[in-house]
N, C-alpha and C. Protein backbone atom coordinates (compact mmCIF):
# COMPACT_ATOMS: atom_id res chain seq x y z
N MET A 1 38.93 -44.57 -28.86
CA MET A 1 39.44 -45.27 -30.00
C MET A 1 39.91 -44.29 -31.07
N GLY A 2 39.17 -43.22 -31.29
CA GLY A 2 39.55 -42.22 -32.28
C GLY A 2 40.83 -41.50 -31.89
N ALA A 3 41.04 -41.31 -30.59
CA ALA A 3 42.25 -40.63 -30.13
C ALA A 3 43.48 -41.46 -30.40
N GLN A 4 43.36 -42.78 -30.30
CA GLN A 4 44.51 -43.65 -30.57
C GLN A 4 44.89 -43.58 -32.05
N ALA A 5 43.91 -43.64 -32.91
CA ALA A 5 44.20 -43.57 -34.34
C ALA A 5 44.80 -42.21 -34.70
N GLU A 6 44.31 -41.17 -34.05
CA GLU A 6 44.81 -39.84 -34.31
C GLU A 6 46.26 -39.69 -33.86
N SER A 7 46.59 -40.27 -32.70
CA SER A 7 47.94 -40.16 -32.19
C SER A 7 48.93 -40.95 -33.04
N LYS A 8 48.49 -42.07 -33.62
CA LYS A 8 49.38 -42.84 -34.48
C LYS A 8 49.77 -42.05 -35.73
N THR A 9 48.80 -41.39 -36.35
CA THR A 9 49.13 -40.61 -37.54
C THR A 9 49.96 -39.40 -37.16
N SER A 10 49.73 -38.83 -36.00
CA SER A 10 50.49 -37.67 -35.57
C SER A 10 51.94 -38.06 -35.32
N LYS A 11 52.17 -39.24 -34.76
CA LYS A 11 53.54 -39.67 -34.48
C LYS A 11 54.31 -39.92 -35.77
N SER A 12 53.66 -40.52 -36.77
CA SER A 12 54.37 -40.84 -38.00
C SER A 12 54.70 -39.59 -38.80
N ARG A 13 53.88 -38.54 -38.66
CA ARG A 13 54.11 -37.30 -39.40
C ARG A 13 54.12 -36.11 -38.46
N SER A 14 54.77 -36.26 -37.32
CA SER A 14 54.71 -35.20 -36.32
C SER A 14 55.47 -33.95 -36.76
N SER A 15 56.53 -34.10 -37.54
CA SER A 15 57.28 -32.92 -37.96
C SER A 15 56.58 -32.26 -39.14
N GLY A 16 57.01 -31.07 -39.45
CA GLY A 16 56.40 -30.34 -40.55
C GLY A 16 57.17 -30.50 -41.84
N VAL A 17 56.72 -29.77 -42.84
CA VAL A 17 57.36 -29.75 -44.14
C VAL A 17 57.74 -28.30 -44.42
N ARG A 18 58.98 -28.09 -44.85
CA ARG A 18 59.45 -26.75 -45.18
C ARG A 18 59.21 -26.52 -46.67
N VAL A 19 58.44 -25.50 -47.00
CA VAL A 19 58.06 -25.23 -48.38
C VAL A 19 58.56 -23.84 -48.76
N THR A 20 59.26 -23.75 -49.90
CA THR A 20 59.80 -22.48 -50.38
C THR A 20 59.27 -22.21 -51.78
N LEU A 21 58.79 -21.00 -52.01
CA LEU A 21 58.33 -20.60 -53.34
C LEU A 21 59.55 -20.24 -54.17
N LYS A 22 59.77 -20.99 -55.26
CA LYS A 22 60.96 -20.80 -56.09
C LYS A 22 60.68 -20.09 -57.40
N ARG A 23 59.46 -20.21 -57.92
CA ARG A 23 59.14 -19.60 -59.20
C ARG A 23 57.92 -18.69 -59.05
N SER A 24 57.83 -17.72 -59.92
CA SER A 24 56.72 -16.77 -59.88
C SER A 24 55.41 -17.42 -60.32
N PRO A 25 54.33 -17.12 -59.62
CA PRO A 25 53.03 -17.65 -60.05
C PRO A 25 52.38 -16.86 -61.18
N ILE A 26 53.06 -15.84 -61.72
CA ILE A 26 52.50 -15.09 -62.84
C ILE A 26 52.35 -16.03 -64.03
N GLY A 27 51.18 -16.02 -64.63
CA GLY A 27 50.92 -16.86 -65.78
C GLY A 27 50.40 -18.25 -65.42
N THR A 28 50.23 -18.52 -64.14
CA THR A 28 49.69 -19.82 -63.72
C THR A 28 48.18 -19.69 -63.54
N PRO A 29 47.46 -20.80 -63.54
CA PRO A 29 46.00 -20.73 -63.33
C PRO A 29 45.66 -20.12 -61.97
N GLU A 30 44.53 -19.48 -61.91
CA GLU A 30 44.08 -18.82 -60.67
C GLU A 30 43.99 -19.81 -59.52
N SER A 31 43.56 -21.04 -59.80
CA SER A 31 43.45 -22.03 -58.73
C SER A 31 44.81 -22.35 -58.13
N HIS A 32 45.87 -22.31 -58.93
CA HIS A 32 47.21 -22.56 -58.39
C HIS A 32 47.65 -21.41 -57.51
N ARG A 33 47.29 -20.19 -57.89
CA ARG A 33 47.64 -19.03 -57.06
C ARG A 33 46.89 -19.08 -55.73
N LEU A 34 45.67 -19.58 -55.75
CA LEU A 34 44.91 -19.72 -54.51
C LEU A 34 45.52 -20.78 -53.61
N VAL A 35 46.05 -21.84 -54.19
CA VAL A 35 46.71 -22.88 -53.40
C VAL A 35 47.96 -22.30 -52.73
N LEU A 36 48.72 -21.50 -53.47
CA LEU A 36 49.90 -20.86 -52.87
C LEU A 36 49.50 -19.97 -51.71
N ARG A 37 48.41 -19.24 -51.88
CA ARG A 37 47.93 -18.37 -50.80
C ARG A 37 47.51 -19.20 -49.60
N GLY A 38 46.89 -20.36 -49.87
CA GLY A 38 46.48 -21.26 -48.80
C GLY A 38 47.67 -21.83 -48.04
N LEU A 39 48.77 -22.03 -48.74
CA LEU A 39 50.00 -22.49 -48.08
C LEU A 39 50.70 -21.36 -47.34
N GLY A 40 50.28 -20.12 -47.59
CA GLY A 40 50.89 -18.98 -46.91
C GLY A 40 52.08 -18.40 -47.64
N LEU A 41 52.18 -18.68 -48.94
CA LEU A 41 53.31 -18.20 -49.73
C LEU A 41 52.88 -17.01 -50.58
N ARG A 42 53.59 -15.91 -50.43
CA ARG A 42 53.26 -14.70 -51.18
C ARG A 42 54.42 -14.20 -52.03
N ARG A 43 55.65 -14.41 -51.58
CA ARG A 43 56.81 -13.86 -52.28
C ARG A 43 57.79 -14.97 -52.68
N ILE A 44 58.51 -14.75 -53.74
CA ILE A 44 59.54 -15.70 -54.17
C ILE A 44 60.61 -15.75 -53.08
N ARG A 45 61.12 -16.93 -52.82
CA ARG A 45 62.12 -17.26 -51.78
C ARG A 45 61.54 -17.17 -50.37
N GLN A 46 60.24 -17.05 -50.24
CA GLN A 46 59.61 -17.10 -48.93
C GLN A 46 59.48 -18.56 -48.52
N THR A 47 59.82 -18.86 -47.27
CA THR A 47 59.76 -20.22 -46.75
C THR A 47 58.79 -20.28 -45.59
N VAL A 48 57.95 -21.33 -45.59
CA VAL A 48 57.02 -21.57 -44.49
C VAL A 48 57.14 -23.03 -44.08
N VAL A 49 56.78 -23.31 -42.84
CA VAL A 49 56.73 -24.69 -42.35
C VAL A 49 55.28 -25.03 -42.12
N ARG A 50 54.83 -26.09 -42.76
CA ARG A 50 53.45 -26.54 -42.65
C ARG A 50 53.43 -27.95 -42.09
N PRO A 51 52.34 -28.33 -41.41
CA PRO A 51 52.24 -29.70 -40.88
C PRO A 51 52.23 -30.71 -42.02
N ASP A 52 52.79 -31.86 -41.78
CA ASP A 52 52.88 -32.91 -42.79
C ASP A 52 51.59 -33.72 -42.78
N THR A 53 50.55 -33.17 -43.41
CA THR A 53 49.25 -33.85 -43.47
C THR A 53 48.92 -34.17 -44.93
N ASP A 54 47.92 -35.00 -45.13
CA ASP A 54 47.50 -35.35 -46.48
C ASP A 54 47.01 -34.12 -47.24
N GLN A 55 46.33 -33.22 -46.55
CA GLN A 55 45.80 -32.03 -47.20
C GLN A 55 46.93 -31.14 -47.71
N VAL A 56 47.94 -30.94 -46.88
CA VAL A 56 49.07 -30.11 -47.28
C VAL A 56 49.85 -30.80 -48.39
N ARG A 57 50.02 -32.10 -48.32
CA ARG A 57 50.72 -32.85 -49.37
C ARG A 57 49.99 -32.71 -50.72
N GLY A 58 48.68 -32.72 -50.69
CA GLY A 58 47.91 -32.54 -51.91
C GLY A 58 48.10 -31.15 -52.50
N MET A 59 48.15 -30.14 -51.65
CA MET A 59 48.39 -28.78 -52.12
C MET A 59 49.78 -28.66 -52.73
N ILE A 60 50.75 -29.27 -52.08
CA ILE A 60 52.12 -29.24 -52.60
C ILE A 60 52.20 -29.96 -53.94
N ARG A 61 51.50 -31.07 -54.06
CA ARG A 61 51.51 -31.83 -55.31
C ARG A 61 50.93 -31.00 -56.47
N LYS A 62 49.92 -30.19 -56.18
CA LYS A 62 49.26 -29.42 -57.22
C LYS A 62 50.17 -28.33 -57.79
N VAL A 63 50.95 -27.69 -56.94
CA VAL A 63 51.81 -26.58 -57.39
C VAL A 63 53.29 -26.89 -57.18
N GLY A 64 53.64 -28.14 -57.18
CA GLY A 64 55.02 -28.55 -56.92
C GLY A 64 56.03 -27.99 -57.89
N TYR A 65 55.59 -27.66 -59.09
CA TYR A 65 56.51 -27.12 -60.09
C TYR A 65 56.97 -25.70 -59.74
N LEU A 66 56.32 -25.07 -58.76
CA LEU A 66 56.71 -23.74 -58.32
C LEU A 66 57.49 -23.76 -57.00
N LEU A 67 57.58 -24.93 -56.38
CA LEU A 67 58.07 -25.03 -55.01
C LEU A 67 59.33 -25.85 -54.88
N GLU A 68 59.98 -25.65 -53.73
CA GLU A 68 61.03 -26.55 -53.26
C GLU A 68 60.57 -27.04 -51.90
N VAL A 69 60.57 -28.36 -51.71
CA VAL A 69 60.04 -28.96 -50.49
C VAL A 69 61.14 -29.76 -49.81
N GLU A 70 61.26 -29.59 -48.50
CA GLU A 70 62.24 -30.36 -47.73
C GLU A 70 61.72 -30.60 -46.33
N LYS A 71 62.26 -31.61 -45.69
CA LYS A 71 61.92 -31.89 -44.30
C LYS A 71 62.81 -31.04 -43.41
N PRO A 72 62.25 -30.38 -42.40
CA PRO A 72 63.10 -29.58 -41.51
C PRO A 72 63.94 -30.43 -40.59
């Protein structure tokens, strides 16, 4: 039963999210810099693809003012 529920959420969000760091994290709170590190972003204009999960969406929401987000 758990596998069915898991596959349904995977199908609806099977693709990833392309995240690009657009602004410098200098002067931002330390927790925001840690979120960027958790997303795998270190340099401006660096782009990563992350799975489209609730956890990643929450991280993006927290530092969205520094990012550009698009669907690949």
